[in-house]
C-alpha atoms as a PDB file:
ATOM      1  CA  UNK A   1       3.953  -1.284 -15.657  1.00  0.00           C
ATOM      2  CA  UNK A   2       5.451  -2.102 -19.046  1.00  0.00           C
ATOM      3  CA  UNK A   3       4.981   1.504 -20.161  1.00  0.00           C
ATOM      4  CA  UNK A   4       7.014   2.755 -17.187  1.00  0.00           C
ATOM      5  CA  UNK A   5       9.740   0.195 -17.870  1.00  0.00           C
ATOM      6  CA  UNK A   6       9.816   1.310 -21.523  1.00  0.00           C
ATOM      7  CA  UNK A   7      10.187   4.971 -20.549  1.00  0.00           C
ATOM      8  CA  UNK A   8      13.004   4.123 -18.117  1.00  0.00           C
ATOM      9  CA  UNK A   9      14.746   2.138 -20.848  1.00  0.00           C
ATOM     10  CA  UNK A  10      14.490   5.155 -23.182  1.00  0.00           C
ATOM     11  CA  UNK A  11      15.934   7.408 -20.468  1.00  0.00           C
ATOM     12  CA  UNK A  12      12.885   9.636 -20.208  1.00  0.00           C
ATOM     13  CA  UNK A  13      12.406   9.232 -16.464  1.00  0.00           C
ATOM     14  CA  UNK A  14      15.953   9.950 -15.262  1.00  0.00           C
ATOM     15  CA  UNK A  15      15.904  11.483 -11.777  1.00  0.00           C
ATOM     16  CA  UNK A  16      12.132  11.981 -11.994  1.00  0.00           C
ATOM     17  CA  UNK A  17       9.390  11.634  -9.407  1.00  0.00           C
ATOM     18  CA  UNK A  18       6.630   9.232 -10.403  1.00  0.00           C
ATOM     19  CA  UNK A  19       3.308   9.214  -8.580  1.00  0.00           C
ATOM     20  CA  UNK A  20       1.359   5.980  -8.888  1.00  0.00           C
ATOM     21  CA  UNK A  21      -2.123   5.597  -7.453  1.00  0.00           C
ATOM     22  CA  UNK A  22      -3.675   2.297  -6.418  1.00  0.00           C
ATOM     23  CA  UNK A  23      -6.869   1.104  -4.801  1.00  0.00           C
ATOM     24  CA  UNK A  24      -4.884  -1.696  -3.153  1.00  0.00           C
ATOM     25  CA  UNK A  25      -3.591  -0.834   0.321  1.00  0.00           C
ATOM     26  CA  UNK A  26      -1.722  -4.156   0.495  1.00  0.00           C
ATOM     27  CA  UNK A  27       0.315  -3.246  -2.609  1.00  0.00           C
ATOM     28  CA  UNK A  28       1.117   0.147  -1.116  1.00  0.00           C
ATOM     29  CA  UNK A  29       2.254  -1.406   2.165  1.00  0.00           C
ATOM     30  CA  UNK A  30       4.366  -4.030   0.403  1.00  0.00           C
ATOM     31  CA  UNK A  31       6.064  -1.375  -1.727  1.00  0.00           C
ATOM     32  CA  UNK A  32       7.086   0.733   1.266  1.00  0.00           C
ATOM     33  CA  UNK A  33       8.025  -2.364   3.284  1.00  0.00           C
ATOM     34  CA  UNK A  34      10.109  -3.539   0.318  1.00  0.00           C
ATOM     35  CA  UNK A  35       8.848  -7.103   0.230  1.00  0.00           C
ATOM     36  CA  UNK A  36       5.831  -9.405   0.326  1.00  0.00           C
ATOM     37  CA  UNK A  37       5.234 -13.087   1.012  1.00  0.00           C
ATOM     38  CA  UNK A  38       2.847 -13.131  -1.965  1.00  0.00           C
ATOM     39  CA  UNK A  39       4.935 -14.090  -5.044  1.00  0.00           C
ATOM     40  CA  UNK A  40       3.041 -11.846  -7.490  1.00  0.00           C
ATOM     41  CA  UNK A  41       3.182  -8.860  -5.165  1.00  0.00           C
ATOM     42  CA  UNK A  42       6.864  -9.511  -4.439  1.00  0.00           C
ATOM     43  CA  UNK A  43       7.548  -9.470  -8.200  1.00  0.00           C
ATOM     44  CA  UNK A  44       5.765  -6.126  -8.528  1.00  0.00           C
ATOM     45  CA  UNK A  45       7.744  -4.600  -5.650  1.00  0.00           C
ATOM     46  CA  UNK A  46      10.977  -5.942  -7.105  1.00  0.00           C
ATOM     47  CA  UNK A  47      10.246  -4.487 -10.559  1.00  0.00           C
ATOM     48  CA  UNK A  48       9.403  -1.076  -9.096  1.00  0.00           C
ATOM     49  CA  UNK A  49      12.498  -0.987  -6.863  1.00  0.00           C
ATOM     50  CA  UNK A  50      14.700  -1.957  -9.828  1.00  0.00           C
ATOM     51  CA  UNK A  51      13.230   0.917 -11.837  1.00  0.00           C
ATOM     52  CA  UNK A  52      14.041   3.316  -9.011  1.00  0.00           C
ATOM     53  CA  UNK A  53      17.651   2.147  -8.969  1.00  0.00           C
ATOM     54  CA  UNK A  54      18.156   2.043 -12.745  1.00  0.00           C
ATOM     55  CA  UNK A  55      16.796   5.524 -13.450  1.00  0.00           C
ATOM     56  CA  UNK A  56      17.395   7.361 -10.203  1.00  0.00           C
ATOM     57  CA  UNK A  57      13.623   7.468 -10.163  1.00  0.00           C
ATOM     58  CA  UNK A  58      11.613   8.195  -7.012  1.00  0.00           C
ATOM     59  CA  UNK A  59       8.312   6.308  -7.005  1.00  0.00           C
ATOM     60  CA  UNK A  60       5.500   7.394  -4.704  1.00  0.00           C
ATOM     61  CA  UNK A  61       2.836   4.671  -4.503  1.00  0.00           C
ATOM     62  CA  UNK A  62      -0.318   6.119  -3.000  1.00  0.00           C
ATOM     63  CA  UNK A  63      -3.452   4.294  -1.888  1.00  0.00           C
ATOM     64  CA  UNK A  64      -6.661   6.104  -2.835  1.00  0.00           C
END
């Protein structure tokens, strides 16, 4: 996560598509729902959504 935030800060992911893969279907659902009642998961969703807005980034979170 920190590596993605670093790349956004450096401007390297402007208007890019980022594919992230997870083995956690709950994280995927929370990301697309935009929220979670779990504080840690909510923080993750918030950080990812902020990155999308800051960089014009499109994140695709995919459960595998």
